[in-house]
Amino acid sequence: MSSSNGVYYQILPVPQYPGHLISNDPARPYMCQLCLNTQATIEHLKLHWELNHNVPCGWCGARFDFKSSRDSHETVCASGQQGAHT
């Protein structure tokens, strides 16, 4: 299990099921456990994680697993920050 700024995630290979058609290309064996996106290399999966799931708030620096969560947080955080400066 790995940690990125206190966020824990696990990088697991995509399971191979003999006799079962896999919708993902077998050449992409590394799967994100948050969104099920697959990547060809562990380096690409780490990059995917940093770009899509380790997203910082522009106001306070808190990190979120999903951009949508960050966006909701930033709306509230920005309101609080602007109120503190008025």
Protein backbone atom coordinates (compact mmCIF):
# COMPACT_ATOMS: atom_id res chain seq x y z
CA MET A 1 0.00 0.00 0.00
CA SER A 2 1.34 3.44 -0.90
CA SER A 3 0.75 6.85 0.62
CA SER A 4 0.61 10.21 -1.08
CA ASN A 5 0.17 13.09 1.35
CA GLY A 6 -1.73 10.90 3.80
CA VAL A 7 -4.02 9.42 1.12
CA TYR A 8 -3.65 5.66 0.92
CA TYR A 9 -4.14 3.75 -2.28
CA GLN A 10 -3.27 0.31 -3.49
CA ILE A 11 -1.97 -0.53 -6.93
CA LEU A 12 -3.11 -3.96 -8.01
CA PRO A 13 -2.78 -5.74 -11.33
CA VAL A 14 -5.99 -6.31 -13.25
CA PRO A 15 -7.10 -9.89 -12.56
CA GLN A 16 -6.94 -12.31 -15.48
CA TYR A 17 -9.99 -14.58 -15.82
CA PRO A 18 -9.37 -17.55 -18.13
CA GLY A 19 -12.30 -18.17 -20.44
CA HIS A 20 -13.84 -14.80 -19.62
CA LEU A 21 -13.78 -11.90 -22.06
CA ILE A 22 -12.09 -8.93 -20.45
CA SER A 23 -13.32 -5.59 -21.70
CA ASN A 24 -10.00 -3.90 -20.92
CA ASP A 25 -7.00 -4.48 -23.13
CA PRO A 26 -4.78 -7.10 -21.44
CA ALA A 27 -1.79 -4.90 -22.27
CA ARG A 28 -3.03 -2.48 -19.58
CA PRO A 29 -2.54 -4.58 -16.44
CA TYR A 30 -2.49 -1.84 -13.77
CA MET A 31 -5.86 -0.67 -12.46
CA CYS A 32 -6.75 2.37 -10.36
CA GLN A 33 -8.79 1.22 -7.37
CA LEU A 34 -10.76 4.48 -7.24
CA CYS A 35 -12.04 4.79 -10.80
CA LEU A 36 -11.06 1.42 -12.37
CA ASN A 37 -9.03 3.16 -15.09
CA THR A 38 -6.30 0.88 -16.45
CA GLN A 39 -2.78 1.78 -17.49
CA ALA A 40 0.02 -0.07 -19.29
CA THR A 41 2.76 0.71 -16.75
CA ILE A 42 3.00 1.42 -13.06
CA GLU A 43 4.52 4.80 -13.92
CA HIS A 44 1.46 5.72 -15.99
CA LEU A 45 -0.82 4.63 -13.15
CA LYS A 46 1.09 6.83 -10.69
CA LEU A 47 0.80 9.75 -13.12
CA HIS A 48 -2.94 9.06 -13.49
CA TRP A 49 -3.22 9.13 -9.68
CA GLU A 50 -1.40 12.44 -9.34
CA LEU A 51 -3.40 14.13 -12.12
CA ASN A 52 -6.84 12.76 -11.28
CA HIS A 53 -7.04 11.70 -7.63
CA ASN A 54 -4.50 13.67 -5.66
CA VAL A 55 -6.05 17.04 -6.43
CA PRO A 56 -5.22 19.99 -4.13
CA CYS A 57 -7.54 22.80 -3.04
CA GLY A 58 -6.25 26.09 -4.42
CA TRP A 59 -7.20 27.88 -1.18
CA CYS A 60 -6.05 25.66 1.68
CA GLY A 61 -4.01 22.88 0.02
CA ALA A 62 -6.19 19.99 1.23
CA ARG A 63 -6.06 17.06 -1.19
CA PHE A 64 -9.00 15.10 -2.62
CA ASP A 65 -9.48 11.79 -4.40
CA PHE A 66 -11.70 13.31 -7.09
CA LYS A 67 -11.75 16.69 -8.84
CA SER A 68 -15.50 16.98 -8.22
CA SER A 69 -14.91 16.67 -4.45
CA ARG A 70 -12.19 19.31 -4.63
CA ASP A 71 -14.45 21.64 -6.63
CA SER A 72 -17.25 21.38 -4.04
CA HIS A 73 -14.76 21.98 -1.24
CA GLU A 74 -13.16 24.97 -3.01
CA THR A 75 -16.52 26.72 -3.29
CA VAL A 76 -16.95 26.58 0.49
CA CYS A 77 -13.28 27.21 1.21
CA ALA A 78 -13.18 30.25 -1.10
CA SER A 79 -16.26 31.73 0.59
CA GLY A 80 -14.59 31.35 4.00
CA GLN A 81 -11.28 32.79 2.79
CA GLN A 82 -12.92 35.80 1.13
CA GLY A 83 -14.99 36.43 4.25
CA ALA A 84 -11.83 36.41 6.37
CA HIS A 85 -10.23 39.10 4.19
CA THR A 86 -13.15 41.56 4.18
